[in-house]
């Protein structure tokens, strides 16, 4: 089978990692409980930043956010390694900017994710991401963003949302911990 995965906030805990960095850079102590209640993808509001200031903060922090010790979600690496070991094809489809694509690929490999160079797509807008997903004819796709999932839901593709506070309104099957994927596949293959 062919599995597609978004990276940020699907396989790795990028926004919460960035939230910690914001606390440090802005010399604040906004509790993580605040992060877990956010209803938007953007994380700047609890720090008193406007949308413009938040956008600037994000852009000037990207190097640190992307390439420091951002943790994978629990069991993400192991789950994908098992899929790979069992002969499934794994594709990564991320909207990360082109100038971060190759470094991101290497960063993922260093963390133990099973990455094949020709199965790694980056540097696109959400609508282009959807097009790639459709062209790959995936069996399953996992993402955290409604903008992508809503566009794919009419296809025969099995779409799953990686649980986040800002996507709880979505009515898709939900993954909260990557160990759940084994059960999903077991149920669907019976």
N, C-alpha and C. Protein backbone atom coordinates (compact mmCIF):
# COMPACT_ATOMS: atom_id res chain seq x y z
N UNK A 1 0.84 -1.19 0.00
CA UNK A 1 0.00 0.00 0.00
C UNK A 1 0.87 1.24 0.00
N UNK A 2 0.27 2.34 -0.41
CA UNK A 2 0.98 3.62 -0.49
C UNK A 2 0.43 4.58 0.58
N UNK A 3 1.33 5.05 1.44
CA UNK A 3 0.98 5.94 2.53
C UNK A 3 1.63 7.30 2.33
N UNK A 4 0.85 8.36 2.49
CA UNK A 4 1.37 9.70 2.41
C UNK A 4 1.24 10.41 3.74
N UNK A 5 2.26 11.18 4.09
CA UNK A 5 2.28 11.88 5.36
C UNK A 5 2.74 13.33 5.18
N UNK A 6 1.98 14.23 5.78
CA UNK A 6 2.48 15.57 6.02
C UNK A 6 3.55 15.41 7.11
N UNK A 7 4.41 16.40 7.28
CA UNK A 7 5.46 16.30 8.30
C UNK A 7 5.10 17.12 9.54
N UNK A 8 5.04 18.44 9.35
CA UNK A 8 4.87 19.35 10.49
C UNK A 8 3.51 19.20 11.14
N UNK A 9 3.52 18.93 12.42
CA UNK A 9 2.32 18.76 13.25
C UNK A 9 1.49 17.54 12.86
N UNK A 10 2.10 16.67 12.07
CA UNK A 10 1.52 15.38 11.77
C UNK A 10 2.47 14.29 12.26
N UNK A 11 3.72 14.36 11.84
CA UNK A 11 4.73 13.41 12.32
C UNK A 11 5.63 14.02 13.40
N UNK A 12 5.85 15.32 13.32
CA UNK A 12 6.71 15.97 14.32
C UNK A 12 5.94 17.09 15.00
N UNK A 13 6.29 17.36 16.25
CA UNK A 13 5.58 18.31 17.09
C UNK A 13 6.14 19.72 16.90
N UNK A 14 6.04 20.23 15.69
CA UNK A 14 6.69 21.48 15.32
C UNK A 14 6.14 22.71 16.04
N UNK A 15 4.85 22.86 16.07
CA UNK A 15 4.27 24.08 16.66
C UNK A 15 4.55 24.17 18.16
N UNK A 16 4.45 23.06 18.86
CA UNK A 16 4.74 23.10 20.30
C UNK A 16 6.22 23.38 20.54
N UNK A 17 7.07 22.83 19.69
CA UNK A 17 8.50 23.13 19.74
C UNK A 17 8.73 24.64 19.51
N UNK A 18 8.05 25.19 18.52
CA UNK A 18 8.16 26.62 18.24
C UNK A 18 7.64 27.45 19.41
N UNK A 19 6.58 26.99 20.05
CA UNK A 19 6.00 27.68 21.21
C UNK A 19 7.05 27.80 22.32
N UNK A 20 7.80 26.75 22.54
CA UNK A 20 8.89 26.77 23.53
C UNK A 20 9.96 27.78 23.13
N UNK A 21 10.29 27.80 21.85
CA UNK A 21 11.29 28.75 21.35
C UNK A 21 10.80 30.18 21.52
N UNK A 22 9.52 30.44 21.24
CA UNK A 22 8.96 31.78 21.43
C UNK A 22 9.08 32.20 22.89
N UNK A 23 8.74 31.31 23.79
CA UNK A 23 8.87 31.62 25.22
C UNK A 23 10.29 32.07 25.54
N UNK A 24 11.26 31.34 25.03
CA UNK A 24 12.66 31.64 25.29
C UNK A 24 13.07 32.97 24.64
N UNK A 25 12.76 33.13 23.37
CA UNK A 25 13.18 34.32 22.64
C UNK A 25 12.52 35.59 23.15
N UNK A 26 11.28 35.46 23.61
CA UNK A 26 10.53 36.64 24.08
C UNK A 26 10.61 36.80 25.59
N UNK A 27 11.39 35.92 26.23
CA UNK A 27 11.56 35.96 27.69
C UNK A 27 10.20 35.94 28.41
N UNK A 28 9.38 34.98 27.98
CA UNK A 28 8.03 34.82 28.55
C UNK A 28 7.93 33.44 29.18
N UNK A 29 6.83 33.20 29.84
CA UNK A 29 6.58 31.89 30.44
C UNK A 29 5.11 31.51 30.22
N UNK A 30 4.69 31.54 28.97
CA UNK A 30 3.31 31.16 28.64
C UNK A 30 3.21 29.65 28.78
N UNK A 31 2.30 29.16 29.63
CA UNK A 31 2.23 27.71 29.90
C UNK A 31 1.80 26.89 28.69
N UNK A 32 2.25 25.65 28.65
CA UNK A 32 1.93 24.77 27.53
C UNK A 32 0.43 24.48 27.44
N UNK A 33 -0.29 24.60 28.56
CA UNK A 33 -1.75 24.41 28.52
C UNK A 33 -2.40 25.40 27.56
N UNK A 34 -1.85 26.60 27.49
CA UNK A 34 -2.36 27.62 26.57
C UNK A 34 -2.17 27.14 25.13
N UNK A 35 -1.00 26.58 24.86
CA UNK A 35 -0.74 26.05 23.52
C UNK A 35 -1.77 24.98 23.15
N UNK A 36 -2.06 24.09 24.08
CA UNK A 36 -2.96 22.97 23.79
C UNK A 36 -4.42 23.39 23.64
N UNK A 37 -4.72 24.64 23.84
CA UNK A 37 -6.08 25.15 23.66
C UNK A 37 -6.21 26.04 22.42
N UNK A 38 -5.12 26.28 21.70
CA UNK A 38 -5.16 27.17 20.53
C UNK A 38 -6.14 26.65 19.49
N UNK A 39 -6.92 27.56 18.92
CA UNK A 39 -7.91 27.20 17.90
C UNK A 39 -7.43 27.55 16.49
N UNK A 40 -6.24 28.10 16.40
CA UNK A 40 -5.63 28.45 15.11
C UNK A 40 -4.30 27.72 14.98
N UNK A 41 -3.85 27.55 13.76
CA UNK A 41 -2.54 26.97 13.51
C UNK A 41 -1.45 27.90 14.04
N UNK A 42 -1.65 29.19 13.87
CA UNK A 42 -0.67 30.18 14.30
C UNK A 42 -0.56 30.18 15.83
N UNK A 43 0.65 30.42 16.33
CA UNK A 43 0.90 30.32 17.77
C UNK A 43 1.24 31.64 18.44
N UNK A 44 1.19 32.73 17.74
CA UNK A 44 1.72 34.00 18.26
C UNK A 44 0.80 34.75 19.23
N UNK A 45 -0.50 34.55 19.15
CA UNK A 45 -1.44 35.34 19.95
C UNK A 45 -1.19 35.29 21.46
N UNK A 46 -0.92 34.12 22.05
CA UNK A 46 -0.69 34.09 23.49
C UNK A 46 0.53 34.93 23.93
N UNK A 47 1.38 35.29 22.99
CA UNK A 47 2.55 36.11 23.30
C UNK A 47 2.29 37.59 23.09
N UNK A 48 1.04 37.94 22.77
CA UNK A 48 0.67 39.33 22.57
C UNK A 48 1.13 39.90 21.25
N UNK A 49 1.40 39.05 20.27
CA UNK A 49 1.87 39.50 18.96
C UNK A 49 0.70 39.62 17.99
N UNK A 50 0.74 40.64 17.17
CA UNK A 50 -0.25 40.78 16.10
C UNK A 50 0.05 39.73 15.03
N UNK A 51 -0.86 39.57 14.06
CA UNK A 51 -0.62 38.62 12.97
C UNK A 51 0.66 38.99 12.22
N UNK A 52 0.88 40.26 11.98
CA UNK A 52 2.08 40.71 11.27
C UNK A 52 3.33 40.40 12.09
N UNK A 53 3.29 40.72 13.37
CA UNK A 53 4.44 40.44 14.24
C UNK A 53 4.66 38.93 14.37
N UNK A 54 3.58 38.17 14.44
CA UNK A 54 3.69 36.72 14.53
C UNK A 54 4.31 36.12 13.28
N UNK A 55 3.91 36.61 12.12
CA UNK A 55 4.47 36.15 10.85
C UNK A 55 5.97 36.43 10.80
N UNK A 56 6.35 37.62 11.24
CA UNK A 56 7.77 37.99 11.25
C UNK A 56 8.54 37.11 12.23
N UNK A 57 7.97 36.88 13.41
CA UNK A 57 8.62 36.03 14.41
C UNK A 57 8.83 34.62 13.87
N UNK A 58 7.82 34.09 13.20
CA UNK A 58 7.92 32.74 12.63
C UNK A 58 9.06 32.69 11.62
N UNK A 59 9.07 33.65 10.70
CA UNK A 59 10.08 33.65 9.64
C UNK A 59 11.50 33.81 10.18
N UNK A 60 11.67 34.64 11.19
CA UNK A 60 13.02 34.85 11.74
C UNK A 60 13.44 33.71 12.66
N UNK A 61 12.51 32.84 13.02
CA UNK A 61 12.82 31.71 13.91
C UNK A 61 12.92 30.38 13.17
N UNK A 62 12.67 30.36 11.87
CA UNK A 62 12.57 29.10 11.12
C UNK A 62 13.78 28.19 11.28
N UNK A 63 14.96 28.74 11.20
CA UNK A 63 16.17 27.92 11.31
C UNK A 63 16.16 27.15 12.63
N UNK A 64 15.88 27.85 13.70
CA UNK A 64 15.86 27.21 15.02
C UNK A 64 14.67 26.24 15.14
N UNK A 65 13.52 26.64 14.63
CA UNK A 65 12.33 25.78 14.72
C UNK A 65 12.53 24.49 13.93
N UNK A 66 13.00 24.61 12.70
CA UNK A 66 13.12 23.45 11.82
C UNK A 66 14.25 22.50 12.19
N UNK A 67 15.39 23.01 12.63
CA UNK A 67 16.59 22.17 12.68
C UNK A 67 17.20 21.95 14.05
N UNK A 68 16.49 22.29 15.09
CA UNK A 68 17.03 21.97 16.41
C UNK A 68 16.40 20.67 16.88
N UNK A 69 16.05 20.59 18.12
CA UNK A 69 15.60 19.31 18.68
C UNK A 69 14.09 19.13 18.69
N UNK A 70 13.45 19.49 17.60
CA UNK A 70 12.00 19.30 17.48
C UNK A 70 11.71 17.80 17.54
N UNK A 71 10.87 17.39 18.48
CA UNK A 71 10.64 15.95 18.64
C UNK A 71 9.59 15.39 17.68
N UNK A 72 9.83 14.17 17.20
CA UNK A 72 8.75 13.47 16.50
C UNK A 72 7.65 13.16 17.53
N UNK A 73 6.42 13.02 17.06
CA UNK A 73 5.36 12.59 17.97
C UNK A 73 5.69 11.17 18.43
N UNK A 74 5.25 10.80 19.63
CA UNK A 74 5.53 9.45 20.12
C UNK A 74 5.09 8.39 19.10
N UNK A 75 5.98 7.45 18.88
CA UNK A 75 5.75 6.28 18.03
C UNK A 75 5.67 6.57 16.54
N UNK A 76 5.88 7.81 16.12
CA UNK A 76 5.81 8.13 14.69
C UNK A 76 6.93 7.43 13.92
N UNK A 77 8.16 7.56 14.39
CA UNK A 77 9.30 6.96 13.69
C UNK A 77 9.13 5.44 13.63
N UNK A 78 8.82 4.83 14.77
CA UNK A 78 8.69 3.39 14.83
C UNK A 78 7.56 2.87 13.94
N UNK A 79 6.45 3.58 13.91
CA UNK A 79 5.31 3.17 13.08
C UNK A 79 5.68 3.22 11.60
N UNK A 80 6.35 4.28 11.17
CA UNK A 80 6.74 4.37 9.76
C UNK A 80 7.83 3.37 9.41
N UNK A 81 8.74 3.12 10.35
CA UNK A 81 9.76 2.09 10.11
C UNK A 81 9.10 0.72 9.90
N UNK A 82 8.07 0.45 10.69
CA UNK A 82 7.37 -0.84 10.56
C UNK A 82 6.63 -0.93 9.22
N UNK A 83 5.99 0.17 8.81
CA UNK A 83 5.32 0.18 7.50
C UNK A 83 6.34 -0.11 6.40
N UNK A 84 7.48 0.54 6.48
CA UNK A 84 8.55 0.37 5.50
C UNK A 84 9.05 -1.08 5.50
N UNK A 85 9.28 -1.61 6.68
CA UNK A 85 9.77 -2.99 6.82
C UNK A 85 8.78 -3.99 6.23
N UNK A 86 7.49 -3.67 6.31
CA UNK A 86 6.45 -4.55 5.78
C UNK A 86 6.19 -4.33 4.29
N UNK A 87 7.04 -3.52 3.65
CA UNK A 87 6.96 -3.38 2.20
C UNK A 87 6.03 -2.29 1.68
N UNK A 88 5.50 -1.47 2.56
CA UNK A 88 4.62 -0.38 2.11
C UNK A 88 5.46 0.79 1.61
N UNK A 89 4.89 1.56 0.69
CA UNK A 89 5.56 2.75 0.18
C UNK A 89 5.18 3.94 1.05
N UNK A 90 6.18 4.72 1.44
CA UNK A 90 5.95 5.89 2.29
C UNK A 90 6.37 7.14 1.53
N UNK A 91 5.44 8.09 1.47
CA UNK A 91 5.69 9.37 0.80
C UNK A 91 5.52 10.49 1.82
N UNK A 92 6.38 11.48 1.72
CA UNK A 92 6.28 12.67 2.56
C UNK A 92 5.92 13.83 1.65
N UNK A 93 4.88 14.56 2.01
CA UNK A 93 4.41 15.68 1.20
C UNK A 93 4.25 16.86 2.15
N UNK A 94 5.18 17.81 2.06
CA UNK A 94 5.20 18.94 2.99
C UNK A 94 5.21 20.26 2.24
N UNK A 95 4.56 21.23 2.82
CA UNK A 95 4.54 22.58 2.24
C UNK A 95 5.75 23.40 2.69
N UNK A 96 6.70 22.79 3.38
CA UNK A 96 7.90 23.54 3.77
C UNK A 96 8.53 24.18 2.53
N UNK A 97 9.04 25.41 2.68
CA UNK A 97 9.61 26.12 1.53
C UNK A 97 10.73 25.34 0.85
N UNK A 98 10.87 25.57 -0.46
CA UNK A 98 11.87 24.87 -1.27
C UNK A 98 13.27 24.97 -0.67
N UNK A 99 13.63 26.15 -0.15
CA UNK A 99 14.99 26.32 0.37
C UNK A 99 15.23 25.54 1.66
N UNK A 100 14.22 24.89 2.20
CA UNK A 100 14.39 24.05 3.38
C UNK A 100 14.17 22.56 3.07
N UNK A 101 13.83 22.23 1.85
CA UNK A 101 13.44 20.87 1.51
C UNK A 101 14.52 19.82 1.70
N UNK A 102 15.68 20.05 1.12
CA UNK A 102 16.74 19.03 1.20
C UNK A 102 17.25 18.88 2.62
N UNK A 103 17.39 19.98 3.34
CA UNK A 103 17.83 19.89 4.74
C UNK A 103 16.78 19.18 5.59
N UNK A 104 15.52 19.43 5.30
CA UNK A 104 14.44 18.75 6.03
C UNK A 104 14.51 17.25 5.79
N UNK A 105 14.74 16.86 4.54
CA UNK A 105 14.84 15.44 4.19
C UNK A 105 15.97 14.79 4.99
N UNK A 106 17.13 15.43 5.03
CA UNK A 106 18.26 14.89 5.78
C UNK A 106 17.96 14.86 7.28
N UNK A 107 17.31 15.89 7.79
CA UNK A 107 16.94 15.96 9.20
C UNK A 107 16.02 14.79 9.55
N UNK A 108 15.06 14.49 8.67
CA UNK A 108 14.14 13.37 8.89
C UNK A 108 14.90 12.04 8.91
N UNK A 109 15.82 11.87 7.99
CA UNK A 109 16.63 10.64 7.95
C UNK A 109 17.43 10.48 9.24
N UNK A 110 18.02 11.58 9.70
CA UNK A 110 18.81 11.54 10.94
C UNK A 110 17.96 11.13 12.14
N UNK A 111 16.67 11.44 12.12
CA UNK A 111 15.77 11.08 13.22
C UNK A 111 15.28 9.65 13.12
N UNK A 112 15.61 8.98 12.01
CA UNK A 112 15.23 7.58 11.86
C UNK A 112 14.02 7.32 10.98
N UNK A 113 13.43 8.39 10.42
CA UNK A 113 12.30 8.18 9.51
C UNK A 113 12.81 7.49 8.24
N UNK A 114 12.07 6.51 7.72
CA UNK A 114 12.49 5.85 6.48
C UNK A 114 12.17 6.74 5.28
N UNK A 115 13.19 7.37 4.74
CA UNK A 115 13.00 8.34 3.67
C UNK A 115 13.74 7.89 2.41
N UNK A 116 13.00 7.82 1.32
CA UNK A 116 13.60 7.63 -0.01
C UNK A 116 13.55 8.98 -0.71
N UNK A 117 14.64 9.35 -1.33
CA UNK A 117 14.71 10.67 -1.96
C UNK A 117 13.58 10.91 -2.96
N UNK A 118 13.22 9.88 -3.73
CA UNK A 118 12.18 10.07 -4.76
C UNK A 118 10.76 9.98 -4.19
N UNK A 119 10.64 9.85 -2.88
CA UNK A 119 9.33 9.81 -2.21
C UNK A 119 9.17 11.00 -1.26
N UNK A 120 9.91 12.06 -1.52
CA UNK A 120 9.92 13.22 -0.63
C UNK A 120 9.61 14.47 -1.45
N UNK A 121 8.46 15.11 -1.16
CA UNK A 121 7.99 16.26 -1.93
C UNK A 121 7.87 17.47 -1.00
N UNK A 122 8.33 18.62 -1.47
CA UNK A 122 8.33 19.82 -0.64
C UNK A 122 8.23 21.07 -1.51
N UNK A 123 8.02 22.21 -0.83
CA UNK A 123 8.06 23.50 -1.51
C UNK A 123 6.83 23.81 -2.34
N UNK A 124 5.64 23.56 -1.80
CA UNK A 124 4.43 23.79 -2.57
C UNK A 124 3.37 24.43 -1.69
N UNK A 125 2.39 25.02 -2.32
CA UNK A 125 1.21 25.52 -1.64
C UNK A 125 0.25 24.35 -1.41
N UNK A 126 -0.77 24.56 -0.57
CA UNK A 126 -1.70 23.47 -0.25
C UNK A 126 -2.37 22.90 -1.49
N UNK A 127 -2.79 23.75 -2.45
CA UNK A 127 -3.47 23.22 -3.63
C UNK A 127 -2.52 22.36 -4.49
N UNK A 128 -1.24 22.71 -4.50
CA UNK A 128 -0.25 21.90 -5.23
C UNK A 128 0.00 20.59 -4.48
N UNK A 129 -0.04 20.65 -3.17
CA UNK A 129 0.12 19.47 -2.33
C UNK A 129 -0.98 18.46 -2.66
N UNK A 130 -2.20 18.95 -2.77
CA UNK A 130 -3.35 18.10 -3.10
C UNK A 130 -3.14 17.44 -4.46
N UNK A 131 -2.64 18.19 -5.41
CA UNK A 131 -2.41 17.65 -6.75
C UNK A 131 -1.39 16.50 -6.72
N UNK A 132 -0.30 16.69 -5.97
CA UNK A 132 0.72 15.64 -5.85
C UNK A 132 0.13 14.40 -5.20
N UNK A 133 -0.65 14.60 -4.15
CA UNK A 133 -1.28 13.48 -3.44
C UNK A 133 -2.15 12.68 -4.41
N UNK A 134 -2.92 13.38 -5.22
CA UNK A 134 -3.79 12.70 -6.19
C UNK A 134 -2.97 11.96 -7.25
N UNK A 135 -1.90 12.60 -7.74
CA UNK A 135 -1.06 11.97 -8.76
C UNK A 135 -0.38 10.70 -8.26
N UNK A 136 -0.04 10.68 -6.97
CA UNK A 136 0.64 9.52 -6.39
C UNK A 136 -0.30 8.32 -6.21
N UNK A 137 -1.61 8.57 -6.28
CA UNK A 137 -2.61 7.52 -6.08
C UNK A 137 -2.38 6.77 -4.77
N UNK A 138 -2.30 7.55 -3.71
CA UNK A 138 -2.08 6.99 -2.37
C UNK A 138 -3.30 6.22 -1.89
N UNK A 139 -3.07 5.28 -1.01
CA UNK A 139 -4.16 4.56 -0.35
C UNK A 139 -4.59 5.29 0.92
N UNK A 140 -3.62 5.86 1.63
CA UNK A 140 -3.86 6.58 2.88
C UNK A 140 -3.08 7.88 2.88
N UNK A 141 -3.69 8.92 3.47
CA UNK A 141 -2.98 10.18 3.64
C UNK A 141 -3.31 10.76 5.01
N UNK A 142 -2.28 11.30 5.68
CA UNK A 142 -2.40 11.84 7.03
C UNK A 142 -1.90 13.28 7.05
N UNK A 143 -2.71 14.18 7.61
CA UNK A 143 -2.36 15.60 7.67
C UNK A 143 -3.06 16.20 8.88
N UNK A 144 -2.70 17.44 9.20
CA UNK A 144 -3.34 18.13 10.31
C UNK A 144 -4.22 19.29 9.84
N UNK A 145 -4.15 19.63 8.57
CA UNK A 145 -4.82 20.83 8.09
C UNK A 145 -6.10 20.54 7.31
N UNK A 146 -7.15 21.23 7.70
CA UNK A 146 -8.45 21.09 7.04
C UNK A 146 -8.36 21.45 5.56
N UNK A 147 -7.58 22.47 5.22
CA UNK A 147 -7.49 22.94 3.83
C UNK A 147 -7.08 21.82 2.89
N UNK A 148 -6.23 20.93 3.36
CA UNK A 148 -5.77 19.83 2.53
C UNK A 148 -6.77 18.67 2.59
N UNK A 149 -7.16 18.29 3.79
CA UNK A 149 -8.05 17.13 3.96
C UNK A 149 -9.41 17.34 3.31
N UNK A 150 -9.96 18.54 3.42
CA UNK A 150 -11.28 18.81 2.85
C UNK A 150 -11.27 18.63 1.33
N UNK A 151 -10.17 18.96 0.69
CA UNK A 151 -10.06 18.84 -0.75
C UNK A 151 -9.94 17.39 -1.18
N UNK A 152 -9.38 16.56 -0.31
CA UNK A 152 -9.14 15.15 -0.65
C UNK A 152 -10.30 14.23 -0.29
N UNK A 153 -11.19 14.69 0.55
CA UNK A 153 -12.20 13.80 1.13
C UNK A 153 -13.18 13.23 0.11
N UNK A 154 -13.28 13.81 -1.07
CA UNK A 154 -14.22 13.31 -2.08
C UNK A 154 -13.62 12.16 -2.88
N UNK A 155 -12.34 11.91 -2.74
CA UNK A 155 -11.67 10.86 -3.49
C UNK A 155 -11.80 9.52 -2.76
N UNK A 156 -11.32 8.46 -3.39
CA UNK A 156 -11.36 7.14 -2.76
C UNK A 156 -10.23 6.98 -1.74
N UNK A 157 -9.40 7.95 -1.63
CA UNK A 157 -8.29 7.97 -0.68
C UNK A 157 -8.81 7.95 0.76
N UNK A 158 -8.18 7.17 1.62
CA UNK A 158 -8.50 7.17 3.05
C UNK A 158 -7.73 8.30 3.72
N UNK A 159 -8.43 9.32 4.18
CA UNK A 159 -7.76 10.45 4.82
C UNK A 159 -7.99 10.40 6.33
N UNK A 160 -6.92 10.76 7.04
CA UNK A 160 -6.94 10.80 8.51
C UNK A 160 -6.36 12.13 8.96
N UNK A 161 -6.92 12.66 10.03
CA UNK A 161 -6.41 13.89 10.60
C UNK A 161 -5.56 13.56 11.82
N UNK A 162 -4.38 14.16 11.91
CA UNK A 162 -3.56 14.03 13.11
C UNK A 162 -4.11 15.04 14.11
N UNK A 163 -4.58 14.56 15.21
CA UNK A 163 -5.28 15.37 16.21
C UNK A 163 -4.45 16.57 16.68
N UNK A 164 -5.09 17.74 16.59
CA UNK A 164 -4.53 19.00 17.09
C UNK A 164 -5.69 19.83 17.63
N UNK A 165 -5.40 20.75 18.53
CA UNK A 165 -6.47 21.56 19.14
C UNK A 165 -7.23 22.38 18.09
N UNK A 166 -6.59 22.78 17.01
CA UNK A 166 -7.22 23.62 16.00
C UNK A 166 -8.00 22.82 14.96
N UNK A 167 -7.96 21.50 15.02
CA UNK A 167 -8.70 20.73 14.01
C UNK A 167 -9.75 19.79 14.61
N UNK A 168 -10.12 20.03 15.84
CA UNK A 168 -11.08 19.13 16.52
C UNK A 168 -12.48 19.18 15.91
N UNK A 169 -12.78 20.23 15.17
CA UNK A 169 -14.08 20.35 14.52
C UNK A 169 -14.20 19.46 13.28
N UNK A 170 -13.08 18.95 12.78
CA UNK A 170 -13.10 18.12 11.57
C UNK A 170 -13.70 16.76 11.87
N UNK A 171 -14.43 16.23 10.93
CA UNK A 171 -15.16 14.97 11.11
C UNK A 171 -14.44 13.78 10.46
N UNK A 172 -13.14 13.86 10.30
CA UNK A 172 -12.38 12.76 9.71
C UNK A 172 -11.95 11.77 10.79
N UNK A 173 -11.66 10.54 10.38
CA UNK A 173 -11.04 9.63 11.35
C UNK A 173 -9.76 10.29 11.87
N UNK A 174 -9.49 10.09 13.12
CA UNK A 174 -8.46 10.84 13.83
C UNK A 174 -7.38 9.92 14.38
N UNK A 175 -6.13 10.36 14.27
CA UNK A 175 -4.99 9.67 14.88
C UNK A 175 -4.49 10.56 16.01
N UNK A 176 -4.51 10.01 17.23
CA UNK A 176 -3.96 10.76 18.37
C UNK A 176 -2.58 10.26 18.75
N UNK A 177 -2.34 8.99 18.52
CA UNK A 177 -1.05 8.39 18.79
C UNK A 177 -0.75 7.46 17.62
N UNK A 178 0.48 7.46 17.15
CA UNK A 178 0.80 6.71 15.94
C UNK A 178 0.67 5.20 16.10
N UNK A 179 0.62 4.70 17.33
CA UNK A 179 0.39 3.26 17.51
C UNK A 179 -1.01 2.87 17.04
N UNK A 180 -1.93 3.83 16.97
CA UNK A 180 -3.30 3.56 16.53
C UNK A 180 -3.36 3.12 15.07
N UNK A 181 -2.35 3.46 14.29
CA UNK A 181 -2.38 3.11 12.87
C UNK A 181 -2.42 1.59 12.66
N UNK A 182 -1.76 0.83 13.51
CA UNK A 182 -1.82 -0.63 13.39
C UNK A 182 -3.26 -1.13 13.49
N UNK A 183 -4.00 -0.59 14.44
CA UNK A 183 -5.40 -0.99 14.62
C UNK A 183 -6.26 -0.57 13.44
N UNK A 184 -6.01 0.62 12.92
CA UNK A 184 -6.74 1.12 11.76
C UNK A 184 -6.56 0.15 10.60
N UNK A 185 -5.32 -0.21 10.32
CA UNK A 185 -5.03 -1.10 9.20
C UNK A 185 -5.60 -2.49 9.43
N UNK A 186 -5.50 -2.96 10.64
CA UNK A 186 -6.04 -4.28 10.98
C UNK A 186 -7.55 -4.32 10.72
N UNK A 187 -8.26 -3.27 11.16
CA UNK A 187 -9.73 -3.20 10.94
C UNK A 187 -10.06 -3.12 9.47
N UNK A 188 -9.34 -2.30 8.74
CA UNK A 188 -9.68 -2.07 7.33
C UNK A 188 -9.27 -3.22 6.42
N UNK A 189 -8.34 -4.03 6.87
CA UNK A 189 -7.87 -5.14 6.03
C UNK A 189 -8.60 -6.45 6.35
N UNK A 190 -9.45 -6.44 7.36
CA UNK A 190 -10.17 -7.67 7.73
C UNK A 190 -11.26 -7.97 6.73
